[in-house]
Amino acid sequence: MAGITSGAAQVVESTASLGIDNMHVSFGGNHVLQGVDLTFAPGFNGLIGPNGAGKTTVFNVISGYVRSSQGEVRLHGKDLLRMSRTQRVKAGIGRTFQAPRLILDATVMENTLLGRHHLFRWGHLAELLLLPQQRREETNARQICMDMLDRFGLADDAHEEAGALSLGSQKLVEVARALVSDPTVVLLDEPAAGLGADDVTVLLRGLREIQAERNLCVIIIEHDLQLVTSLCPKISVLHFGEIISEGSPEHVTSDPAVIEAYLGHGFEAEEGGEIHEVEGPLSEHHHIDHVEEEGTLEEVWTEDDGPEKGESS
C-alpha cells in the first residue's frame, strides 16, 4: 500500500550507505536506466551485467557526471543529486574509472595527492608564505598517500611519472587516489581489468584490509565473475537498464534470467553451479548500444557541473 513502509524495508534503509530509487536515464532516445532501485550497505557489493547494461551510467549518476531524468540518490540519507561533483567527493563518494584518469606527466605521488585536495585547509597563499601549518598539512598528506601506495605495492614508484607505469599499475594508483579522499562509499569501475594475477592479488588484499578498517561501502563493477562472487556477498545484476536479479552469489549465478542475459536462451544451471546448454546452439543475443562509454559523456552531459563559487576543485 502506498505510503506504508514495512519493518524489513526500514531496516534495509537504516543500514544502507547508498540508496537509489526509481532512477531513469535516457541518451538521445535510448533508455539507459529504467526505474532502477538499489541499496548498498557497508561491505563489498557487486554490480554486474552484460556490456551496455547501464552499469557505468549508474556510477556516473551517483558521482555527478550524468544527470538522471527521474529518481533519487541518497548517501547516508542525504540527497546527492543537487550537489556538484566536488560536493559529492566531500560528502564521501570516491570512484575510479574504466580507463584511469591520471595526469601522465605528474608523479604517482602528485596524482595520489589530488585525492586529498578537498581536505586541505591551507591554500596556495599559505604555501607561498611557507606557513608552518601548511607545511605540516602537506607533510601529513604525503605520508597518508605514501602509506596507501605502499598497501598497493606502489611505494617504490611514488616519484615516477604516472605515464611510465603499466596500465595495471595506473589502475592501482587510481584506486589509491580514491581511497585517500576519506570516502565512505567507493565506486570501482572494472578495477581488475588489465591487471595480471599478481596485481589482482595486491588489489584484493589492499581492498579487504581497508574495508575492514574503515567499514567502507565498496561497490564494484567487474566482468570477472569469479572475482565478484568471491569478494561480494551481495550482487545486483543489471540488464537492458533494469535490475533482473539481486542476492547472494549462489542465487544470481543460478538465476535463469541471469544465465540467459549472459549466454542467451537455452542454458541453465545444474546443482553445484555448472551451466550447460539444454537446447540447440547458443542463440544470437543482441544488446542495445546505450551510449554509456566514457568517451561519449561530453556529448550527452554538456551543462557545467563544476564546483560552486568559493569551492576549490
C-alpha atoms as a PDB file:
ATOM      1  CA  MET A   1       0.000   0.000   0.000  1.00  0.00           C
ATOM      2  CA  ALA A   2       1.391   3.423  -0.958  1.00  0.00           C
ATOM      3  CA  GLY A   3       2.919   5.423   1.858  1.00  0.00           C
ATOM      4  CA  ILE A   4       3.422   2.399   4.135  1.00  0.00           C
ATOM      5  CA  THR A   5       6.954   1.036   4.614  1.00  0.00           C
ATOM      6  CA  SER A   6       7.449  -2.453   6.018  1.00  0.00           C
ATOM      7  CA  GLY A   7       9.672  -3.076   9.027  1.00  0.00           C
ATOM      8  CA  ALA A   8      12.099  -5.046   6.847  1.00  0.00           C
ATOM      9  CA  ALA A   9      12.349  -2.164   4.373  1.00  0.00           C
ATOM     10  CA  GLN A  10      13.009   0.285   7.216  1.00  0.00           C
ATOM     11  CA  VAL A  11      15.866  -1.891   8.469  1.00  0.00           C
ATOM     12  CA  VAL A  12      17.409  -2.023   4.971  1.00  0.00           C
ATOM     13  CA  GLU A  13      17.094   1.754   4.617  1.00  0.00           C
ATOM     14  CA  SER A  14      18.653   2.447   8.007  1.00  0.00           C
ATOM     15  CA  THR A  15      21.672   0.224   7.349  1.00  0.00           C
ATOM     16  CA  ALA A  16      22.269   1.256   3.723  1.00  0.00           C
ATOM     17  CA  SER A  17      25.116   3.645   2.927  1.00  0.00           C
ATOM     18  CA  LEU A  18      23.778   4.445  -0.539  1.00  0.00           C
ATOM     19  CA  GLY A  19      20.220   4.238  -1.797  1.00  0.00           C
ATOM     20  CA  ILE A  20      18.928   4.648  -5.368  1.00  0.00           C
ATOM     21  CA  ASP A  21      15.204   4.956  -6.050  1.00  0.00           C
ATOM     22  CA  ASN A  22      13.477   4.829  -9.449  1.00  0.00           C
ATOM     23  CA  MET A  23      16.486   6.031 -11.438  1.00  0.00           C
ATOM     24  CA  HIS A  24      15.821   6.835 -15.109  1.00  0.00           C
ATOM     25  CA  VAL A  25      18.424   7.980 -17.662  1.00  0.00           C
ATOM     26  CA  SER A  26      17.960   8.432 -21.413  1.00  0.00           C
ATOM     27  CA  PHE A  27      20.524   9.494 -24.023  1.00  0.00           C
ATOM     28  CA  GLY A  28      19.051  10.685 -27.312  1.00  0.00           C
ATOM     29  CA  GLY A  29      16.034   8.399 -27.097  1.00  0.00           C
ATOM     30  CA  ASN A  30      17.983   5.392 -25.771  1.00  0.00           C
ATOM     31  CA  HIS A  31      16.630   4.387 -22.363  1.00  0.00           C
ATOM     32  CA  VAL A  32      19.800   3.514 -20.461  1.00  0.00           C
ATOM     33  CA  LEU A  33      18.291   3.093 -16.987  1.00  0.00           C
ATOM     34  CA  GLN A  34      14.619   2.345 -16.405  1.00  0.00           C
ATOM     35  CA  GLY A  35      13.353   2.566 -12.829  1.00  0.00           C
ATOM     36  CA  VAL A  36      16.487   1.211 -11.140  1.00  0.00           C
ATOM     37  CA  ASP A  37      16.210   0.648  -7.374  1.00  0.00           C
ATOM     38  CA  LEU A  38      19.346  -0.313  -5.433  1.00  0.00           C
ATOM     39  CA  THR A  39      20.636  -0.235  -1.870  1.00  0.00           C
ATOM     40  CA  PHE A  40      24.277  -0.733  -0.928  1.00  0.00           C
ATOM     41  CA  ALA A  41      25.385  -1.458   2.633  1.00  0.00           C
ATOM     42  CA  PRO A  42      28.893  -1.368   4.170  1.00  0.00           C
ATOM     43  CA  GLY A  43      30.978  -4.200   2.788  1.00  0.00           C
ATOM     44  CA  PHE A  44      31.557  -5.382  -0.769  1.00  0.00           C
ATOM     45  CA  ASN A  45      28.692  -5.053  -3.258  1.00  0.00           C
ATOM     46  CA  GLY A  46      28.847  -6.319  -6.836  1.00  0.00           C
ATOM     47  CA  LEU A  47      27.124  -4.689  -9.828  1.00  0.00           C
ATOM     48  CA  ILE A  48      27.315  -6.900 -12.898  1.00  0.00           C
ATOM     49  CA  GLY A  49      25.656  -7.298 -16.274  1.00  0.00           C
ATOM     50  CA  PRO A  50      26.411  -7.670 -19.984  1.00  0.00           C
ATOM     51  CA  ASN A  51      28.067  -4.875 -21.974  1.00  0.00           C
ATOM     52  CA  GLY A  52      25.686  -1.956 -22.480  1.00  0.00           C
ATOM     53  CA  ALA A  53      23.555  -2.866 -19.460  1.00  0.00           C
ATOM     54  CA  GLY A  54      23.947   0.606 -17.890  1.00  0.00           C
ATOM     55  CA  LYS A  55      26.404  -0.188 -15.083  1.00  0.00           C
ATOM     56  CA  THR A  56      28.813   2.713 -15.673  1.00  0.00           C
ATOM     57  CA  THR A  57      25.844   5.053 -16.080  1.00  0.00           C
ATOM     58  CA  VAL A  58      24.755   4.166 -12.526  1.00  0.00           C
ATOM     59  CA  PHE A  59      28.211   5.235 -11.292  1.00  0.00           C
ATOM     60  CA  ASN A  60      28.123   8.384 -13.421  1.00  0.00           C
ATOM     61  CA  VAL A  61      24.793   9.461 -11.938  1.00  0.00           C
ATOM     62  CA  ILE A  62      25.987   8.773  -8.378  1.00  0.00           C
ATOM     63  CA  SER A  63      29.206  10.736  -8.867  1.00  0.00           C
ATOM     64  CA  GLY A  64      27.644  13.584 -10.853  1.00  0.00           C
ATOM     65  CA  TYR A  65      28.933  13.011 -14.391  1.00  0.00           C
ATOM     66  CA  VAL A  66      25.456  12.327 -15.786  1.00  0.00           C
ATOM     67  CA  ARG A  67      22.109  13.720 -14.659  1.00  0.00           C
ATOM     68  CA  SER A  68      19.171  11.374 -14.254  1.00  0.00           C
ATOM     69  CA  SER A  69      15.812  12.405 -15.704  1.00  0.00           C
ATOM     70  CA  GLN A  70      13.992  10.911 -12.725  1.00  0.00           C
ATOM     71  CA  GLY A  71      14.787   9.317  -9.388  1.00  0.00           C
ATOM     72  CA  GLU A  72      16.732   9.867  -6.177  1.00  0.00           C
ATOM     73  CA  VAL A  73      20.229   9.062  -4.914  1.00  0.00           C
ATOM     74  CA  ARG A  74      20.871   9.303  -1.172  1.00  0.00           C
ATOM     75  CA  LEU A  75      24.167   8.989   0.677  1.00  0.00           C
ATOM     76  CA  HIS A  76      23.504   8.188   4.353  1.00  0.00           C
ATOM     77  CA  GLY A  77      20.043   9.676   3.827  1.00  0.00           C
ATOM     78  CA  LYS A  78      21.367  12.897   2.224  1.00  0.00           C
ATOM     79  CA  ASP A  79      20.224  13.815  -1.314  1.00  0.00           C
ATOM     80  CA  LEU A  80      23.161  13.811  -3.738  1.00  0.00           C
ATOM     81  CA  LEU A  81      21.517  14.943  -6.952  1.00  0.00           C
ATOM     82  CA  ARG A  82      21.567  18.646  -6.091  1.00  0.00           C
ATOM     83  CA  MET A  83      25.294  18.518  -5.317  1.00  0.00           C
ATOM     84  CA  SER A  84      28.188  19.291  -7.653  1.00  0.00           C
ATOM     85  CA  ARG A  85      30.812  16.624  -8.275  1.00  0.00           C
ATOM     86  CA  THR A  86      33.164  18.293  -5.783  1.00  0.00           C
ATOM     87  CA  GLN A  87      30.457  18.390  -3.127  1.00  0.00           C
ATOM     88  CA  ARG A  88      29.824  14.682  -3.644  1.00  0.00           C
ATOM     89  CA  VAL A  89      33.504  13.911  -3.075  1.00  0.00           C
ATOM     90  CA  LYS A  90      33.376  15.976   0.117  1.00  0.00           C
ATOM     91  CA  ALA A  91      30.227  14.123   1.171  1.00  0.00           C
ATOM     92  CA  GLY A  92      32.088  10.809   0.917  1.00  0.00           C
ATOM     93  CA  ILE A  93      31.907   9.479  -2.660  1.00  0.00           C
ATOM     94  CA  GLY A  94      35.155   8.132  -4.118  1.00  0.00           C
ATOM     95  CA  ARG A  95      35.438   6.482  -7.522  1.00  0.00           C
ATOM     96  CA  THR A  96      37.654   5.089 -10.245  1.00  0.00           C
ATOM     97  CA  PHE A  97      37.040   4.864 -13.990  1.00  0.00           C
ATOM     98  CA  GLN A  98      37.283   2.110 -16.592  1.00  0.00           C
ATOM     99  CA  ALA A  99      40.236   3.952 -18.161  1.00  0.00           C
ATOM    100  CA  PRO A 100      42.444   5.597 -15.493  1.00  0.00           C
ATOM    101  CA  ARG A 101      42.161   9.383 -15.375  1.00  0.00           C
ATOM    102  CA  LEU A 102      45.664  10.314 -14.281  1.00  0.00           C
ATOM    103  CA  ILE A 103      47.944  13.231 -15.123  1.00  0.00           C
ATOM    104  CA  LEU A 104      50.506  11.187 -17.002  1.00  0.00           C
ATOM    105  CA  ASP A 105      53.399  13.684 -16.772  1.00  0.00           C
ATOM    106  CA  ALA A 106      52.881  14.141 -12.994  1.00  0.00           C
ATOM    107  CA  THR A 107      54.356  11.737 -10.484  1.00  0.00           C
ATOM    108  CA  VAL A 108      52.453   8.916  -8.848  1.00  0.00           C
ATOM    109  CA  MET A 109      52.619  10.828  -5.549  1.00  0.00           C
ATOM    110  CA  GLU A 110      51.278  14.033  -7.149  1.00  0.00           C
ATOM    111  CA  ASN A 111      48.378  12.110  -8.698  1.00  0.00           C
ATOM    112  CA  THR A 112      47.569  10.448  -5.393  1.00  0.00           C
ATOM    113  CA  LEU A 113      47.739  13.752  -3.509  1.00  0.00           C
ATOM    114  CA  LEU A 114      44.924  15.063  -5.699  1.00  0.00           C
ATOM    115  CA  GLY A 115      42.639  12.742  -3.762  1.00  0.00           C
ATOM    116  CA  ARG A 116      43.370  14.767  -0.604  1.00  0.00           C
ATOM    117  CA  HIS A 117      42.926  18.179  -2.211  1.00  0.00           C
ATOM    118  CA  HIS A 118      39.398  18.803  -0.949  1.00  0.00           C
ATOM    119  CA  LEU A 119      40.586  18.110   2.614  1.00  0.00           C
ATOM    120  CA  PHE A 120      43.307  20.774   2.650  1.00  0.00           C
ATOM    121  CA  ARG A 121      42.585  23.697   4.985  1.00  0.00           C
ATOM    122  CA  TRP A 122      45.529  25.797   3.824  1.00  0.00           C
ATOM    123  CA  GLY A 123      45.743  27.048   0.236  1.00  0.00           C
ATOM    124  CA  HIS A 124      48.349  28.306  -2.196  1.00  0.00           C
ATOM    125  CA  LEU A 125      48.878  31.632  -0.369  1.00  0.00           C
ATOM    126  CA  ALA A 126      49.892  29.767   2.774  1.00  0.00           C
ATOM    127  CA  GLU A 127      52.198  27.649   0.614  1.00  0.00           C
ATOM    128  CA  LEU A 128      53.833  30.735  -0.900  1.00  0.00           C
ATOM    129  CA  LEU A 129      54.284  32.255   2.565  1.00  0.00           C
ATOM    130  CA  LEU A 130      55.827  28.998   3.819  1.00  0.00           C
ATOM    131  CA  LEU A 131      53.463  28.916   6.774  1.00  0.00           C
ATOM    132  CA  PRO A 132      54.312  26.061   9.146  1.00  0.00           C
ATOM    133  CA  GLN A 133      50.650  24.978   9.325  1.00  0.00           C
ATOM    134  CA  GLN A 134      50.584  24.428   5.572  1.00  0.00           C
ATOM    135  CA  ARG A 135      53.868  22.527   5.613  1.00  0.00           C
ATOM    136  CA  ARG A 136      52.620  20.233   8.380  1.00  0.00           C
ATOM    137  CA  GLU A 137      49.374  19.629   6.490  1.00  0.00           C
ATOM    138  CA  GLU A 138      51.198  18.725   3.273  1.00  0.00           C
ATOM    139  CA  THR A 139      53.705  16.516   5.093  1.00  0.00           C
ATOM    140  CA  ASN A 140      50.832  14.649   6.734  1.00  0.00           C
ATOM    141  CA  ALA A 141      49.008  14.292   3.412  1.00  0.00           C
ATOM    142  CA  ARG A 142      52.128  12.939   1.718  1.00  0.00           C
ATOM    143  CA  GLN A 143      52.573  10.372   4.484  1.00  0.00           C
ATOM    144  CA  ILE A 144      48.946   9.232   4.146  1.00  0.00           C
ATOM    145  CA  CYS A 145      49.409   8.890   0.385  1.00  0.00           C
ATOM    146  CA  MET A 146      52.697   7.015   0.749  1.00  0.00           C
ATOM    147  CA  ASP A 147      51.105   4.591   3.205  1.00  0.00           C
ATOM    148  CA  MET A 148      48.263   3.965   0.757  1.00  0.00           C
ATOM    149  CA  LEU A 149      50.634   3.476  -2.170  1.00  0.00           C
ATOM    150  CA  ASP A 150      52.605   1.009  -0.065  1.00  0.00           C
ATOM    151  CA  ARG A 151      49.451  -1.048   0.535  1.00  0.00           C
ATOM    152  CA  PHE A 152      49.125  -1.479  -3.222  1.00  0.00           C
ATOM    153  CA  GLY A 153      52.801  -2.155  -3.898  1.00  0.00           C
ATOM    154  CA  LEU A 154      53.464   1.264  -5.412  1.00  0.00           C
ATOM    155  CA  ALA A 155      55.695   2.952  -2.814  1.00  0.00           C
ATOM    156  CA  ASP A 156      58.825   2.445  -4.938  1.00  0.00           C
ATOM    157  CA  ASP A 157      57.091   4.164  -7.878  1.00  0.00           C
ATOM    158  CA  ALA A 158      55.902   7.196  -5.881  1.00  0.00           C
ATOM    159  CA  HIS A 159      58.273   9.614  -7.628  1.00  0.00           C
ATOM    160  CA  GLU A 160      57.977   8.100 -11.098  1.00  0.00           C
ATOM    161  CA  GLU A 161      55.790   9.726 -13.741  1.00  0.00           C
ATOM    162  CA  ALA A 162      52.398   8.022 -13.892  1.00  0.00           C
ATOM    163  CA  GLY A 163      52.717   7.694 -17.670  1.00  0.00           C
ATOM    164  CA  ALA A 164      55.747   5.430 -17.226  1.00  0.00           C
ATOM    165  CA  LEU A 165      53.679   2.813 -15.374  1.00  0.00           C
ATOM    166  CA  SER A 166      51.809  -0.106 -16.902  1.00  0.00           C
ATOM    167  CA  LEU A 167      48.040   0.174 -17.326  1.00  0.00           C
ATOM    168  CA  GLY A 168      47.578  -2.201 -14.399  1.00  0.00           C
ATOM    169  CA  SER A 169      49.747  -0.070 -12.115  1.00  0.00           C
ATOM    170  CA  GLN A 170      47.950   3.084 -13.262  1.00  0.00           C
ATOM    171  CA  LYS A 171      44.655   1.497 -12.219  1.00  0.00           C
ATOM    172  CA  LEU A 172      46.106   0.732  -8.792  1.00  0.00           C
ATOM    173  CA  VAL A 173      47.219   4.389  -8.489  1.00  0.00           C
ATOM    174  CA  GLU A 174      43.660   5.479  -9.213  1.00  0.00           C
ATOM    175  CA  VAL A 175      42.324   3.108  -6.544  1.00  0.00           C
ATOM    176  CA  ALA A 176      44.831   4.562  -4.062  1.00  0.00           C
ATOM    177  CA  ARG A 177      43.803   8.118  -5.008  1.00  0.00           C
ATOM    178  CA  ALA A 178      40.113   7.293  -4.446  1.00  0.00           C
ATOM    179  CA  LEU A 179      40.839   5.776  -1.034  1.00  0.00           C
ATOM    180  CA  VAL A 180      42.953   8.659   0.328  1.00  0.00           C
ATOM    181  CA  SER A 181      39.972  11.002  -0.161  1.00  0.00           C
ATOM    182  CA  ASP A 182      38.432   9.571   3.033  1.00  0.00           C
ATOM    183  CA  PRO A 183      35.319   8.205   1.319  1.00  0.00           C
ATOM    184  CA  THR A 184      32.528   6.263   2.961  1.00  0.00           C
ATOM    185  CA  VAL A 185      31.358   4.842  -0.396  1.00  0.00           C
ATOM    186  CA  VAL A 186      33.854   3.760  -3.079  1.00  0.00           C
ATOM    187  CA  LEU A 187      32.786   3.102  -6.683  1.00  0.00           C
ATOM    188  CA  LEU A 188      35.268   0.853  -8.507  1.00  0.00           C
ATOM    189  CA  ASP A 189      34.632   0.555 -12.245  1.00  0.00           C
ATOM    190  CA  GLU A 190      36.355  -2.622 -13.507  1.00  0.00           C
ATOM    191  CA  PRO A 191      39.366  -2.240 -11.179  1.00  0.00           C
ATOM    192  CA  ALA A 192      40.855  -5.633 -12.119  1.00  0.00           C
ATOM    193  CA  ALA A 193      40.615  -5.205 -15.909  1.00  0.00           C
ATOM    194  CA  GLY A 194      44.115  -5.216 -17.390  1.00  0.00           C
ATOM    195  CA  LEU A 195      45.764  -6.425 -14.184  1.00  0.00           C
ATOM    196  CA  GLY A 196      47.936  -9.514 -14.026  1.00  0.00           C
ATOM    197  CA  ALA A 197      47.342 -12.190 -11.416  1.00  0.00           C
ATOM    198  CA  ASP A 198      49.903 -10.707  -9.000  1.00  0.00           C
ATOM    199  CA  ASP A 199      48.381  -7.217  -9.266  1.00  0.00           C
ATOM    200  CA  VAL A 200      44.888  -8.638  -8.689  1.00  0.00           C
ATOM    201  CA  THR A 201      46.150 -10.303  -5.516  1.00  0.00           C
ATOM    202  CA  VAL A 202      47.630  -6.980  -4.322  1.00  0.00           C
ATOM    203  CA  LEU A 203      44.414  -5.150  -5.213  1.00  0.00           C
ATOM    204  CA  LEU A 204      42.132  -7.545  -3.341  1.00  0.00           C
ATOM    205  CA  ARG A 205      44.383  -7.735  -0.284  1.00  0.00           C
ATOM    206  CA  GLY A 206      44.523  -3.934  -0.023  1.00  0.00           C
ATOM    207  CA  LEU A 207      40.778  -3.514  -0.544  1.00  0.00           C
ATOM    208  CA  ARG A 208      39.902  -6.142   2.052  1.00  0.00           C
ATOM    209  CA  GLU A 209      42.219  -4.577   4.646  1.00  0.00           C
ATOM    210  CA  ILE A 210      40.948  -1.037   4.136  1.00  0.00           C
ATOM    211  CA  GLN A 211      37.291  -2.046   4.004  1.00  0.00           C
ATOM    212  CA  ALA A 212      37.658  -3.908   7.301  1.00  0.00           C
ATOM    213  CA  GLU A 213      39.465  -0.992   8.951  1.00  0.00           C
ATOM    214  CA  ARG A 214      37.011   1.709   7.836  1.00  0.00           C
ATOM    215  CA  ASN A 215      33.779  -0.257   7.334  1.00  0.00           C
ATOM    216  CA  LEU A 216      33.544   1.173   3.827  1.00  0.00           C
ATOM    217  CA  CYS A 217      30.744   0.531   1.364  1.00  0.00           C
ATOM    218  CA  VAL A 218      32.599  -0.710  -1.743  1.00  0.00           C
ATOM    219  CA  ILE A 219      30.638  -1.135  -4.988  1.00  0.00           C
ATOM    220  CA  ILE A 220      32.409  -2.988  -7.780  1.00  0.00           C
ATOM    221  CA  ILE A 221      31.584  -3.228 -11.470  1.00  0.00           C
ATOM    222  CA  GLU A 222      33.549  -6.152 -12.843  1.00  0.00           C
ATOM    223  CA  HIS A 223      33.240  -8.664 -15.692  1.00  0.00           C
ATOM    224  CA  ASP A 224      35.360 -11.224 -13.841  1.00  0.00           C
ATOM    225  CA  LEU A 225      32.525 -13.180 -12.230  1.00  0.00           C
ATOM    226  CA  GLN A 226      34.894 -15.327 -10.184  1.00  0.00           C
ATOM    227  CA  LEU A 227      36.371 -12.194  -8.601  1.00  0.00           C
ATOM    228  CA  VAL A 228      32.956 -10.688  -7.868  1.00  0.00           C
ATOM    229  CA  THR A 229      31.438 -13.857  -6.441  1.00  0.00           C
ATOM    230  CA  SER A 230      34.452 -14.483  -4.197  1.00  0.00           C
ATOM    231  CA  LEU A 231      34.531 -10.890  -2.903  1.00  0.00           C
ATOM    232  CA  CYS A 232      30.905  -9.717  -2.748  1.00  0.00           C
ATOM    233  CA  PRO A 233      28.253 -11.325  -0.509  1.00  0.00           C
ATOM    234  CA  LYS A 234      25.592  -9.331  -2.389  1.00  0.00           C
ATOM    235  CA  ILE A 235      25.416  -8.923  -6.156  1.00  0.00           C
ATOM    236  CA  SER A 236      22.968  -6.930  -8.287  1.00  0.00           C
ATOM    237  CA  VAL A 237      22.524  -7.783 -11.965  1.00  0.00           C
ATOM    238  CA  LEU A 238      21.636  -5.062 -14.478  1.00  0.00           C
ATOM    239  CA  HIS A 239      20.346  -5.864 -17.974  1.00  0.00           C
ATOM    240  CA  PHE A 240      18.805  -3.512 -20.549  1.00  0.00           C
ATOM    241  CA  GLY A 241      18.760  -0.813 -17.858  1.00  0.00           C
ATOM    242  CA  GLU A 242      16.773  -2.837 -15.320  1.00  0.00           C
ATOM    243  CA  ILE A 243      17.688  -4.932 -12.281  1.00  0.00           C
ATOM    244  CA  ILE A 244      16.870  -8.541 -13.191  1.00  0.00           C
ATOM    245  CA  SER A 245      18.322 -10.319 -10.156  1.00  0.00           C
ATOM    246  CA  GLU A 246      19.782  -9.499  -6.759  1.00  0.00           C
ATOM    247  CA  GLY A 247      21.116 -11.523  -3.866  1.00  0.00           C
ATOM    248  CA  SER A 248      23.908 -13.886  -2.908  1.00  0.00           C
ATOM    249  CA  PRO A 249      26.472 -15.110  -5.466  1.00  0.00           C
ATOM    250  CA  GLU A 250      24.836 -18.532  -5.399  1.00  0.00           C
ATOM    251  CA  HIS A 251      21.425 -17.032  -6.112  1.00  0.00           C
ATOM    252  CA  VAL A 252      22.382 -14.769  -9.017  1.00  0.00           C
ATOM    253  CA  THR A 253      24.686 -17.253 -10.758  1.00  0.00           C
ATOM    254  CA  SER A 254      21.921 -19.868 -10.806  1.00  0.00           C
ATOM    255  CA  ASP A 255      19.127 -17.451 -11.755  1.00  0.00           C
ATOM    256  CA  PRO A 256      17.774 -18.391 -15.231  1.00  0.00           C
ATOM    257  CA  ALA A 257      17.305 -14.709 -16.097  1.00  0.00           C
ATOM    258  CA  VAL A 258      20.974 -14.004 -15.400  1.00  0.00           C
ATOM    259  CA  ILE A 259      22.163 -17.042 -17.354  1.00  0.00           C
ATOM    260  CA  GLU A 260      20.067 -16.007 -20.344  1.00  0.00           C
ATOM    261  CA  ALA A 261      21.279 -12.389 -20.137  1.00  0.00           C
ATOM    262  CA  TYR A 262      24.913 -13.511 -20.295  1.00  0.00           C
ATOM    263  CA  LEU A 263      24.707 -16.602 -22.533  1.00  0.00           C
ATOM    264  CA  GLY A 264      21.416 -16.419 -24.399  1.00  0.00           C
ATOM    265  CA  HIS A 265      18.359 -18.670 -24.405  1.00  0.00           C
ATOM    266  CA  GLY A 266      18.938 -22.398 -23.978  1.00  0.00           C
ATOM    267  CA  PHE A 267      21.281 -22.571 -20.989  1.00  0.00           C
ATOM    268  CA  GLU A 268      20.597 -23.492 -17.370  1.00  0.00           C
ATOM    269  CA  ALA A 269      22.446 -24.135 -14.117  1.00  0.00           C
ATOM    270  CA  GLU A 270      22.780 -27.564 -12.584  1.00  0.00           C
ATOM    271  CA  GLU A 271      23.162 -28.260  -8.889  1.00  0.00           C
ATOM    272  CA  GLY A 272      26.649 -27.160  -7.918  1.00  0.00           C
ATOM    273  CA  GLY A 273      26.619 -24.163 -10.247  1.00  0.00           C
ATOM    274  CA  GLU A 274      27.681 -25.859 -13.511  1.00  0.00           C
ATOM    275  CA  ILE A 275      25.996 -24.245 -16.538  1.00  0.00           C
ATOM    276  CA  HIS A 276      25.126 -26.334 -19.585  1.00  0.00           C
ATOM    277  CA  GLU A 277      23.291 -25.943 -22.878  1.00  0.00           C
ATOM    278  CA  VAL A 278      19.854 -27.507 -22.904  1.00  0.00           C
ATOM    279  CA  GLU A 279      18.662 -26.861 -26.436  1.00  0.00           C
ATOM    280  CA  GLY A 280      20.422 -26.097 -29.685  1.00  0.00           C
ATOM    281  CA  PRO A 281      23.398 -23.810 -30.256  1.00  0.00           C
ATOM    282  CA  LEU A 282      23.871 -20.566 -28.394  1.00  0.00           C
ATOM    283  CA  SER A 283      21.209 -18.220 -29.686  1.00  0.00           C
ATOM    284  CA  GLU A 284      22.160 -14.847 -31.017  1.00  0.00           C
ATOM    285  CA  HIS A 285      21.731 -12.301 -28.267  1.00  0.00           C
ATOM    286  CA  HIS A 286      21.637  -8.593 -29.066  1.00  0.00           C
ATOM    287  CA  HIS A 287      22.463  -5.782 -26.679  1.00  0.00           C
ATOM    288  CA  ILE A 288      21.253  -2.214 -27.052  1.00  0.00           C
ATOM    289  CA  ASP A 289      24.005   0.316 -27.558  1.00  0.00           C
ATOM    290  CA  HIS A 290      23.279   2.561 -24.608  1.00  0.00           C
ATOM    291  CA  VAL A 291      25.945   5.179 -25.412  1.00  0.00           C
ATOM    292  CA  GLU A 292      27.337   4.916 -21.895  1.00  0.00           C
ATOM    293  CA  GLU A 293      31.061   4.684 -22.601  1.00  0.00           C
ATOM    294  CA  GLU A 294      33.355   7.312 -21.125  1.00  0.00           C
ATOM    295  CA  GLY A 295      34.187   8.867 -24.486  1.00  0.00           C
ATOM    296  CA  THR A 296      30.592   9.945 -25.173  1.00  0.00           C
ATOM    297  CA  LEU A 297      29.906  11.668 -21.866  1.00  0.00           C
ATOM    298  CA  GLU A 298      30.892  15.114 -23.117  1.00  0.00           C
ATOM    299  CA  GLU A 299      28.259  14.878 -25.852  1.00  0.00           C
ATOM    300  CA  VAL A 300      25.402  13.900 -23.556  1.00  0.00           C
ATOM    301  CA  TRP A 301      26.357  15.946 -20.494  1.00  0.00           C
ATOM    302  CA  THR A 302      27.026  19.494 -21.598  1.00  0.00           C
ATOM    303  CA  GLU A 303      25.944  21.528 -18.590  1.00  0.00           C
ATOM    304  CA  ASP A 304      28.832  22.772 -16.443  1.00  0.00           C
ATOM    305  CA  ASP A 305      28.858  20.825 -13.206  1.00  0.00           C
ATOM    306  CA  GLY A 306      31.966  22.330 -11.756  1.00  0.00           C
ATOM    307  CA  PRO A 307      32.371  23.404  -8.127  1.00  0.00           C
ATOM    308  CA  GLU A 308      30.183  26.155  -6.831  1.00  0.00           C
ATOM    309  CA  LYS A 309      31.690  29.595  -6.306  1.00  0.00           C
ATOM    310  CA  GLY A 310      34.074  29.652  -3.411  1.00  0.00           C
ATOM    311  CA  GLU A 311      34.966  25.971  -3.655  1.00  0.00           C
ATOM    312  CA  SER A 312      38.338  24.666  -4.672  1.00  0.00           C
ATOM    313  CA  SER A 313      38.322  21.946  -7.303  1.00  0.00           C
END
